[in-house]
C-alpha atoms as a PDB file:
ATOM      1  CA  MET A   1      -0.088   0.145  -0.256  1.00  0.00           C
ATOM      2  CA  VAL A   2       1.208   3.696  -1.149  1.00  0.00           C
ATOM      3  CA  LEU A   3      -0.112   6.652   0.186  1.00  0.00           C
ATOM      4  CA  GLN A   4      -0.615   9.588  -1.846  1.00  0.00           C
ATOM      5  CA  LYS A   5       0.815  12.591   0.607  1.00  0.00           C
ATOM      6  CA  SER A   6      -2.530  14.790  -0.503  1.00  0.00           C
ATOM      7  CA  ARG A   7      -4.590  11.670   0.644  1.00  0.00           C
ATOM      8  CA  ILE A   8      -3.695  11.277   4.361  1.00  0.00           C
ATOM      9  CA  ARG A   9      -3.167  13.947   7.138  1.00  0.00           C
ATOM     10  CA  ILE A  10      -0.748  12.953   9.286  1.00  0.00           C
ATOM     11  CA  HIS A  11      -1.299  14.614  12.957  1.00  0.00           C
ATOM     12  CA  ALA A  12       1.562  16.050  14.977  1.00  0.00           C
ATOM     13  CA  ARG A  13       0.844  13.521  17.544  1.00  0.00           C
ATOM     14  CA  LEU A  14       1.742  11.048  14.870  1.00  0.00           C
ATOM     15  CA  CYS A  15       4.708  12.446  14.966  1.00  0.00           C
ATOM     16  CA  GLN A  16       5.520  12.846  18.491  1.00  0.00           C
ATOM     17  CA  ALA A  17       4.984   9.556  18.972  1.00  0.00           C
ATOM     18  CA  LEU A  18       6.910   8.121  16.292  1.00  0.00           C
ATOM     19  CA  LEU A  19      10.118  10.450  17.483  1.00  0.00           C
ATOM     20  CA  PHE A  20       9.222  10.332  21.152  1.00  0.00           C
ATOM     21  CA  ASN A  21       8.196   7.126  21.633  1.00  0.00           C
ATOM     22  CA  ALA A  22      10.569   5.179  20.000  1.00  0.00           C
ATOM     23  CA  PHE A  23       9.358   3.734  17.316  1.00  0.00           C
ATOM     24  CA  PHE A  24      12.044   3.942  14.971  1.00  0.00           C
ATOM     25  CA  THR A  25      13.320   0.967  14.887  1.00  0.00           C
ATOM     26  CA  GLY A  26      16.892   2.164  16.134  1.00  0.00           C
ATOM     27  CA  LEU A  27      18.891   4.808  17.072  1.00  0.00           C
ATOM     28  CA  GLY A  28      18.872   4.472  20.738  1.00  0.00           C
ATOM     29  CA  SER A  29      20.109   8.234  22.803  1.00  0.00           C
ATOM     30  CA  ILE A  30      22.240  10.928  22.435  1.00  0.00           C
ATOM     31  CA  GLY A  31      24.258  11.627  25.984  1.00  0.00           C
ATOM     32  CA  CYS A  32      27.287   9.537  27.712  1.00  0.00           C
ATOM     33  CA  GLY A  33      27.097   6.596  26.481  1.00  0.00           C
ATOM     34  CA  THR A  34      24.933   4.589  28.821  1.00  0.00           C
ATOM     35  CA  THR A  35      22.580   3.915  26.370  1.00  0.00           C
ATOM     36  CA  LYS A  36      23.392   2.630  22.310  1.00  0.00           C
ATOM     37  CA  PHE A  37      22.649   5.013  19.329  1.00  0.00           C
ATOM     38  CA  PHE A  38      21.496   3.181  16.883  1.00  0.00           C
ATOM     39  CA  TRP A  39      17.395   1.957  16.974  1.00  0.00           C
ATOM     40  CA  ASN A  40      16.581  -1.574  17.336  1.00  0.00           C
ATOM     41  CA  ASP A  41      13.533  -3.336  18.329  1.00  0.00           C
ATOM     42  CA  GLN A  42      14.947  -5.307  21.572  1.00  0.00           C
ATOM     43  CA  ASN A  43      15.773  -1.622  22.310  1.00  0.00           C
ATOM     44  CA  ILE A  44      12.491   0.611  21.808  1.00  0.00           C
ATOM     45  CA  SER A  45      10.837  -0.349  25.279  1.00  0.00           C
ATOM     46  CA  SER A  46      14.879   1.359  27.009  1.00  0.00           C
ATOM     47  CA  SER A  47      14.744   3.666  25.540  1.00  0.00           C
ATOM     48  CA  THR A  48      10.899   5.044  25.717  1.00  0.00           C
ATOM     49  CA  LYS A  49      12.001   5.349  29.165  1.00  0.00           C
ATOM     50  CA  ASN A  50      13.629   8.889  28.211  1.00  0.00           C
ATOM     51  CA  LYS A  51      11.045  11.899  26.715  1.00  0.00           C
ATOM     52  CA  SER A  52      13.246  11.857  23.833  1.00  0.00           C
ATOM     53  CA  PRO A  53      15.066   8.643  22.074  1.00  0.00           C
ATOM     54  CA  LEU A  54      17.663  10.496  21.188  1.00  0.00           C
ATOM     55  CA  MET A  55      18.454  12.037  25.220  1.00  0.00           C
ATOM     56  CA  ASN A  56      20.669  10.237  27.632  1.00  0.00           C
ATOM     57  CA  LYS A  57      20.598  10.672  31.225  1.00  0.00           C
ATOM     58  CA  GLY A  58      23.938  10.290  32.924  1.00  0.00           C
ATOM     59  CA  THR A  59      27.490  11.033  33.575  1.00  0.00           C
ATOM     60  CA  SER A  60      28.408   6.836  35.538  1.00  0.00           C
ATOM     61  CA  LYS A  61      31.393   6.478  32.453  1.00  0.00           C
ATOM     62  CA  GLN A  62      32.390  10.454  32.655  1.00  0.00           C
ATOM     63  CA  VAL A  63      32.358  10.595  36.033  1.00  0.00           C
ATOM     64  CA  ALA A  64      34.468   7.305  36.193  1.00  0.00           C
ATOM     65  CA  ALA A  65      36.845   8.630  33.812  1.00  0.00           C
ATOM     66  CA  ALA A  66      36.668  12.257  35.728  1.00  0.00           C
ATOM     67  CA  THR A  67      39.930  11.505  37.603  1.00  0.00           C
ATOM     68  CA  GLY A  68      42.215   9.843  35.012  1.00  0.00           C
ATOM     69  CA  SER A  69      41.620  13.029  33.164  1.00  0.00           C
ATOM     70  CA  HIS A  70      41.717  15.495  35.065  1.00  0.00           C
ATOM     71  CA  GLY A  71      43.218  14.255  38.385  1.00  0.00           C
ATOM     72  CA  ASN A  72      46.657  13.189  39.639  1.00  0.00           C
ATOM     73  CA  GLY A  73      46.896  10.386  37.070  1.00  0.00           C
ATOM     74  CA  GLU A  74      49.964   9.174  39.231  1.00  0.00           C
ATOM     75  CA  ASP A  75      48.164   8.685  42.046  1.00  0.00           C
ATOM     76  CA  SER A  76      44.676   6.697  42.756  1.00  0.00           C
ATOM     77  CA  LYS A  77      43.506   8.996  45.183  1.00  0.00           C
ATOM     78  CA  PRO A  78      41.330  11.846  43.511  1.00  0.00           C
ATOM     79  CA  ASN A  79      43.456  15.148  44.840  1.00  0.00           C
ATOM     80  CA  THR A  80      40.748  17.327  47.138  1.00  0.00           C
ATOM     81  CA  LYS A  81      39.692  19.641  44.297  1.00  0.00           C
ATOM     82  CA  GLN A  82      38.866  16.583  41.901  1.00  0.00           C
ATOM     83  CA  ALA A  83      37.362  15.322  45.011  1.00  0.00           C
ATOM     84  CA  ARG A  84      35.208  18.097  44.722  1.00  0.00           C
ATOM     85  CA  ILE A  85      34.765  17.886  41.036  1.00  0.00           C
ATOM     86  CA  ASP A  86      33.749  14.436  40.828  1.00  0.00           C
ATOM     87  CA  PHE A  87      30.927  15.323  43.870  1.00  0.00           C
ATOM     88  CA  MET A  88      29.276  17.956  41.916  1.00  0.00           C
ATOM     89  CA  VAL A  89      29.208  16.200  39.242  1.00  0.00           C
ATOM     90  CA  VAL A  90      26.881  13.277  41.165  1.00  0.00           C
ATOM     91  CA  SER A  91      25.755  16.213  42.396  1.00  0.00           C
ATOM     92  CA  ALA A  92      24.306  17.824  39.023  1.00  0.00           C
ATOM     93  CA  GLU A  93      23.284  13.842  37.639  1.00  0.00           C
ATOM     94  CA  GLN A  94      21.027  13.436  40.526  1.00  0.00           C
ATOM     95  CA  TYR A  95      19.009  16.560  39.352  1.00  0.00           C
ATOM     96  CA  GLU A  96      19.078  15.291  36.065  1.00  0.00           C
ATOM     97  CA  ALA A  97      17.172  11.943  36.521  1.00  0.00           C
ATOM     98  CA  ILE A  98      14.702  14.098  38.236  1.00  0.00           C
ATOM     99  CA  GLU A  99      14.549  16.921  35.698  1.00  0.00           C
ATOM    100  CA  ASP A 100      15.398  19.577  37.173  1.00  0.00           C
ATOM    101  CA  TYR A 101      17.744  20.974  34.540  1.00  0.00           C
ATOM    102  CA  ARG A 102      18.087  24.776  36.310  1.00  0.00           C
ATOM    103  CA  SER A 103      19.358  22.643  39.801  1.00  0.00           C
ATOM    104  CA  ALA A 104      21.832  20.617  37.333  1.00  0.00           C
ATOM    105  CA  MET A 105      22.986  23.322  35.207  1.00  0.00           C
ATOM    106  CA  ASN A 106      24.107  25.833  38.374  1.00  0.00           C
ATOM    107  CA  LYS A 107      26.085  21.933  39.249  1.00  0.00           C
ATOM    108  CA  TYR A 108      27.762  22.187  36.650  1.00  0.00           C
ATOM    109  CA  LYS A 109      28.610  25.659  36.407  1.00  0.00           C
ATOM    110  CA  GLU A 110      30.136  25.468  39.696  1.00  0.00           C
ATOM    111  CA  VAL A 111      32.718  22.387  38.121  1.00  0.00           C
ATOM    112  CA  LEU A 112      33.633  25.249  35.852  1.00  0.00           C
ATOM    113  CA  LYS A 113      34.564  27.727  38.777  1.00  0.00           C
ATOM    114  CA  LEU A 114      36.583  24.886  39.697  1.00  0.00           C
ATOM    115  CA  ASP A 115      38.073  23.385  36.181  1.00  0.00           C
ATOM    116  CA  LYS A 116      37.259  26.250  33.004  1.00  0.00           C
ATOM    117  CA  ASN A 117      38.296  23.680  30.510  1.00  0.00           C
ATOM    118  CA  ASN A 118      36.165  20.689  32.015  1.00  0.00           C
ATOM    119  CA  PRO A 119      35.230  19.014  28.684  1.00  0.00           C
ATOM    120  CA  ILE A 120      32.651  16.570  31.525  1.00  0.00           C
ATOM    121  CA  ALA A 121      30.789  19.670  32.353  1.00  0.00           C
ATOM    122  CA  HIS A 122      30.394  21.494  29.280  1.00  0.00           C
ATOM    123  CA  HIS A 123      29.420  18.295  27.445  1.00  0.00           C
ATOM    124  CA  ARG A 124      26.455  17.924  30.065  1.00  0.00           C
ATOM    125  CA  LEU A 125      25.849  21.497  30.212  1.00  0.00           C
ATOM    126  CA  ALA A 126      25.299  21.074  26.434  1.00  0.00           C
ATOM    127  CA  LEU A 127      22.777  18.760  26.740  1.00  0.00           C
ATOM    128  CA  VAL A 128      21.505  20.355  30.120  1.00  0.00           C
ATOM    129  CA  ALA A 129      20.943  23.197  27.823  1.00  0.00           C
ATOM    130  CA  ILE A 130      18.421  21.603  25.185  1.00  0.00           C
ATOM    131  CA  HIS A 131      16.134  20.296  27.245  1.00  0.00           C
ATOM    132  CA  LEU A 132      15.652  24.044  28.732  1.00  0.00           C
ATOM    133  CA  SER A 133      16.415  25.351  24.618  1.00  0.00           C
ATOM    134  CA  ALA A 134      18.812  27.902  25.406  1.00  0.00           C
ATOM    135  CA  ASN A 135      20.101  27.173  21.926  1.00  0.00           C
ATOM    136  CA  GLN A 136      23.321  29.166  22.201  1.00  0.00           C
ATOM    137  CA  GLN A 137      24.224  28.231  25.151  1.00  0.00           C
ATOM    138  CA  ALA A 138      24.135  24.425  24.271  1.00  0.00           C
ATOM    139  CA  GLU A 139      26.046  24.721  20.603  1.00  0.00           C
ATOM    140  CA  ASP A 140      29.075  26.857  22.789  1.00  0.00           C
ATOM    141  CA  HIS A 141      29.101  24.216  25.500  1.00  0.00           C
ATOM    142  CA  PHE A 142      29.502  21.612  22.886  1.00  0.00           C
ATOM    143  CA  ARG A 143      32.467  23.739  21.614  1.00  0.00           C
ATOM    144  CA  GLU A 144      34.086  23.736  24.568  1.00  0.00           C
ATOM    145  CA  ALA A 145      33.621  20.282  25.205  1.00  0.00           C
ATOM    146  CA  ILE A 146      34.753  18.851  21.871  1.00  0.00           C
ATOM    147  CA  LYS A 147      37.872  21.394  22.125  1.00  0.00           C
ATOM    148  CA  TRP A 148      39.066  19.918  25.330  1.00  0.00           C
ATOM    149  CA  ALA A 149      38.229  16.115  24.107  1.00  0.00           C
ATOM    150  CA  PRO A 150      38.001  16.004  20.222  1.00  0.00           C
ATOM    151  CA  HIS A 151      38.583  12.301  20.493  1.00  0.00           C
ATOM    152  CA  ASP A 152      35.729  11.969  22.683  1.00  0.00           C
ATOM    153  CA  GLU A 153      33.463   9.250  20.676  1.00  0.00           C
ATOM    154  CA  ASP A 154      30.045  10.611  23.187  1.00  0.00           C
ATOM    155  CA  VAL A 155      31.329  14.130  22.569  1.00  0.00           C
ATOM    156  CA  CYS A 156      31.632  14.361  18.959  1.00  0.00           C
ATOM    157  CA  ALA A 157      28.248  12.202  18.499  1.00  0.00           C
ATOM    158  CA  ASP A 158      26.449  14.358  20.388  1.00  0.00           C
ATOM    159  CA  PHE A 159      27.462  17.044  18.751  1.00  0.00           C
ATOM    160  CA  ALA A 160      26.566  15.926  15.174  1.00  0.00           C
ATOM    161  CA  TYR A 161      23.691  14.823  16.321  1.00  0.00           C
ATOM    162  CA  TRP A 162      22.414  18.320  17.670  1.00  0.00           C
ATOM    163  CA  LYS A 163      23.553  19.759  14.526  1.00  0.00           C
ATOM    164  CA  TYR A 164      21.283  17.229  12.511  1.00  0.00           C
ATOM    165  CA  LEU A 165      18.294  18.195  14.315  1.00  0.00           C
ATOM    166  CA  ASN A 166      19.092  22.548  13.640  1.00  0.00           C
ATOM    167  CA  GLY A 167      19.064  20.660  10.111  1.00  0.00           C
ATOM    168  CA  VAL A 168      22.652  22.149   9.942  1.00  0.00           C
ATOM    169  CA  ASP A 169      23.556  19.006   7.602  1.00  0.00           C
ATOM    170  CA  LYS A 170      26.682  19.690   6.145  1.00  0.00           C
ATOM    171  CA  GLU A 171      28.583  20.286  10.238  1.00  0.00           C
ATOM    172  CA  ALA A 172      26.876  17.022  11.028  1.00  0.00           C
ATOM    173  CA  MET A 173      28.328  15.003   9.195  1.00  0.00           C
ATOM    174  CA  ASP A 174      31.878  16.578   9.517  1.00  0.00           C
ATOM    175  CA  GLU A 175      30.978  15.821  12.892  1.00  0.00           C
ATOM    176  CA  VAL A 176      30.302  12.590  11.989  1.00  0.00           C
ATOM    177  CA  LEU A 177      33.514  12.186  10.217  1.00  0.00           C
ATOM    178  CA  HIS A 178      35.885  13.625  12.251  1.00  0.00           C
ATOM    179  CA  GLY A 179      34.236  10.870  15.550  1.00  0.00           C
ATOM    180  CA  LEU A 180      34.579   8.116  12.517  1.00  0.00           C
ATOM    181  CA  ALA A 181      38.258   9.195  12.082  1.00  0.00           C
ATOM    182  CA  ASP A 182      38.626   7.855  15.828  1.00  0.00           C
ATOM    183  CA  HIS A 183      35.873   5.164  16.672  1.00  0.00           C
ATOM    184  CA  PRO A 184      35.483   3.655  13.019  1.00  0.00           C
ATOM    185  CA  ASP A 185      33.307   0.937  14.431  1.00  0.00           C
ATOM    186  CA  SER A 186      30.533   3.425  16.601  1.00  0.00           C
ATOM    187  CA  ALA A 187      27.889   2.273  16.278  1.00  0.00           C
ATOM    188  CA  ARG A 188      25.781   6.111  17.255  1.00  0.00           C
ATOM    189  CA  LEU A 189      28.327   7.697  14.667  1.00  0.00           C
ATOM    190  CA  HIS A 190      27.302   5.098  11.868  1.00  0.00           C
ATOM    191  CA  GLY A 191      23.090   5.809  12.942  1.00  0.00           C
ATOM    192  CA  ILE A 192      23.811   9.343  12.366  1.00  0.00           C
ATOM    193  CA  LYS A 193      24.994   8.948   9.191  1.00  0.00           C
ATOM    194  CA  GLY A 194      22.040   6.944   8.521  1.00  0.00           C
ATOM    195  CA  LEU A 195      19.992   9.809   9.028  1.00  0.00           C
ATOM    196  CA  LEU A 196      22.007  12.165   7.092  1.00  0.00           C
ATOM    197  CA  HIS A 197      21.766  10.117   4.295  1.00  0.00           C
ATOM    198  CA  SER A 198      18.135   9.858   4.785  1.00  0.00           C
ATOM    199  CA  ARG A 199      17.493  13.144   5.071  1.00  0.00           C
ATOM    200  CA  ASN A 200      19.178  13.598   1.547  1.00  0.00           C
ATOM    201  CA  GLN A 201      17.094  10.092   0.341  1.00  0.00           C
ATOM    202  CA  GLU A 202      20.344   8.869  -0.544  1.00  0.00           C
ATOM    203  CA  ILE A 203      18.439   5.419   0.364  1.00  0.00           C
ATOM    204  CA  ASP A 204      21.345   2.710  -0.105  1.00  0.00           C
ATOM    205  CA  LEU A 205      24.113   4.525   1.547  1.00  0.00           C
ATOM    206  CA  ALA A 206      21.502   5.023   4.584  1.00  0.00           C
ATOM    207  CA  ILE A 207      20.642   1.411   4.738  1.00  0.00           C
ATOM    208  CA  ARG A 208      24.125   0.798   5.098  1.00  0.00           C
ATOM    209  CA  GLU A 209      25.061   3.047   7.949  1.00  0.00           C
ATOM    210  CA  TYR A 210      21.965   1.751  10.065  1.00  0.00           C
ATOM    211  CA  GLN A 211      23.474  -1.523   9.134  1.00  0.00           C
ATOM    212  CA  LEU A 212      26.860  -0.631   9.953  1.00  0.00           C
ATOM    213  CA  ALA A 213      25.291   0.980  13.167  1.00  0.00           C
ATOM    214  CA  GLY A 214      23.481  -2.874  14.293  1.00  0.00           C
ATOM    215  CA  CYS A 215      20.385  -3.006  12.442  1.00  0.00           C
ATOM    216  CA  SER A 216      19.150  -5.858  10.033  1.00  0.00           C
ATOM    217  CA  THR A 217      18.126  -5.165   6.867  1.00  0.00           C
ATOM    218  CA  GLU A 218      14.864  -4.827   7.866  1.00  0.00           C
ATOM    219  CA  GLN A 219      15.273  -2.239  10.972  1.00  0.00           C
ATOM    220  CA  ALA A 220      17.665   0.044   8.340  1.00  0.00           C
ATOM    221  CA  MET A 221      14.382  -0.322   5.592  1.00  0.00           C
ATOM    222  CA  ALA A 222      12.477   0.861   8.923  1.00  0.00           C
ATOM    223  CA  ASN A 223      14.547   3.836   9.639  1.00  0.00           C
ATOM    224  CA  LEU A 224      14.575   5.404   7.101  1.00  0.00           C
ATOM    225  CA  GLY A 225      11.218   5.165   6.290  1.00  0.00           C
ATOM    226  CA  HIS A 226      10.500   7.050   9.645  1.00  0.00           C
ATOM    227  CA  ILE A 227      12.977   9.751   8.665  1.00  0.00           C
ATOM    228  CA  VAL A 228      11.746  10.195   5.464  1.00  0.00           C
ATOM    229  CA  LEU A 229       7.988  10.740   6.949  1.00  0.00           C
ATOM    230  CA  MET A 230       9.228  13.089   9.468  1.00  0.00           C
ATOM    231  CA  ASP A 231      10.173  15.460   6.806  1.00  0.00           C
ATOM    232  CA  GLY A 232       7.197  14.850   5.399  1.00  0.00           C
ATOM    233  CA  ASN A 233       7.424  12.391   2.351  1.00  0.00           C
ATOM    234  CA  THR A 234       4.830  10.032   3.278  1.00  0.00           C
ATOM    235  CA  GLN A 235       4.465   8.442   0.087  1.00  0.00           C
ATOM    236  CA  THR A 236       8.178   7.326  -0.180  1.00  0.00           C
ATOM    237  CA  ALA A 237       7.988   6.886   3.790  1.00  0.00           C
ATOM    238  CA  ALA A 238       4.989   4.786   3.510  1.00  0.00           C
ATOM    239  CA  TYR A 239       6.586   2.451   0.145  1.00  0.00           C
ATOM    240  CA  TRP A 240      10.035   2.205   2.789  1.00  0.00           C
ATOM    241  CA  ILE A 241       7.964   0.932   6.088  1.00  0.00           C
ATOM    242  CA  ASN A 242       5.772  -1.261   4.528  1.00  0.00           C
ATOM    243  CA  LYS A 243       8.379  -3.278   3.395  1.00  0.00           C
ATOM    244  CA  ALA A 244      10.395  -3.193   6.730  1.00  0.00           C
ATOM    245  CA  ALA A 245       7.098  -4.500   8.021  1.00  0.00           C
ATOM    246  CA  GLU A 246       6.610  -7.395   5.693  1.00  0.00           C
ATOM    247  CA  GLY A 247       7.939 -11.202   6.421  1.00  0.00           C
ATOM    248  CA  PRO A 248       9.324 -13.460   9.220  1.00  0.00           C
ATOM    249  CA  SER A 249      12.112 -10.587   9.687  1.00  0.00           C
ATOM    250  CA  ALA A 250       9.882  -7.650   9.866  1.00  0.00           C
ATOM    251  CA  SER A 251      10.527  -4.964  12.007  1.00  0.00           C
ATOM    252  CA  THR A 252       8.319  -4.350  14.470  1.00  0.00           C
ATOM    253  CA  ALA A 253       8.603  -0.660  14.733  1.00  0.00           C
ATOM    254  CA  ALA A 254       7.869  -0.792  11.073  1.00  0.00           C
ATOM    255  CA  VAL A 255       4.477  -2.697  11.838  1.00  0.00           C
ATOM    256  CA  LYS A 256       3.305  -0.497  14.618  1.00  0.00           C
ATOM    257  CA  THR A 257       4.063   2.681  12.023  1.00  0.00           C
ATOM    258  CA  GLN A 258       2.161   0.798   9.346  1.00  0.00           C
ATOM    259  CA  LYS A 259      -1.036   0.904  12.010  1.00  0.00           C
ATOM    260  CA  TRP A 260      -0.453   4.747  12.521  1.00  0.00           C
ATOM    261  CA  LEU A 261      -0.550   5.306   8.629  1.00  0.00           C
ATOM    262  CA  GLY A 262      -3.835   2.856   8.186  1.00  0.00           C
ATOM    263  CA  ASN A 263      -5.417   5.064  10.981  1.00  0.00           C
ATOM    264  CA  ALA A 264      -4.698   8.329   9.854  1.00  0.00           C
ATOM    265  CA  MET A 265      -5.826   6.900   6.494  1.00  0.00           C
ATOM    266  CA  LEU A 266      -9.524   5.881   7.769  1.00  0.00           C
ATOM    267  CA  GLU A 267     -10.015   9.144   9.521  1.00  0.00           C
ATOM    268  CA  ARG A 268      -8.807  10.868   6.822  1.00  0.00           C
ATOM    269  CA  THR A 269     -11.619   9.117   4.534  1.00  0.00           C
ATOM    270  CA  SER A 270     -14.408   8.569   7.297  1.00  0.00           C
ATOM    271  CA  GLY A 271     -13.990  11.736   9.011  1.00  0.00           C
ATOM    272  CA  ASP A 272     -13.767   9.850  12.288  1.00  0.00           C
ATOM    273  CA  PRO A 273     -11.133   8.873  14.377  1.00  0.00           C
ATOM    274  CA  VAL A 274     -10.750   4.521  13.859  1.00  0.00           C
ATOM    275  CA  PHE A 275      -8.552   2.827  15.662  1.00  0.00           C
ATOM    276  CA  LEU A 276      -7.370  -0.665  14.079  1.00  0.00           C
ATOM    277  CA  LYS A 277      -6.583  -3.578  16.441  1.00  0.00           C
END
């Protein structure tokens, strides 16, 4: 079934469900690496814990690395300054966990008073700023984070994805390629590269990147279809979603989206909401 764009009304709530309820079949979380970035059907339930499947919470890996990057490399015990930094980072993480982003931001800024070049604080401030719709702050802190941690996979991936969300595709691709130079097997970076190719409807390249991110062929086709749908090309999106929903290896997410498309089509033609079983 190929749906003509003129015959179907995709509601805002459908697009929101696709993005925030992880109907996408793959890309997991922007953030500190506690969740994988590629979408797959097995990760759908866990990724719905976040407001967006592309925003991760938690700084556990970075806190663990803090002493090594900013403490005394010769001593396993952090110095007093480092201990204070670690404590403030953990406190900020706790505020993030309860979505008190203002308090989290203040804690990370306290870290910067002790260490103005701290890449963890700059990285987390960028992510917190996104929650607060403070785009300029997000960009400023991303740039500082990438300056002081140029080879960090998570910083590169998060900055690239943020650029993708803001439609700065060339710069997003530059960040992806920068990251892949250091981390050629990064599922997150290949996933973002797939997003960029999907937006440009570079079909073969997009599917290949999703597969490099760990997706099956069906999951890759579903990812492609969902991104094209979000960009408003319903006909092309429905084609790939339908293909992804076929056969014994069908993508679970694609099957769900297929039903949403069917509901929207029936509502459009009948005038009343219709819910498929």
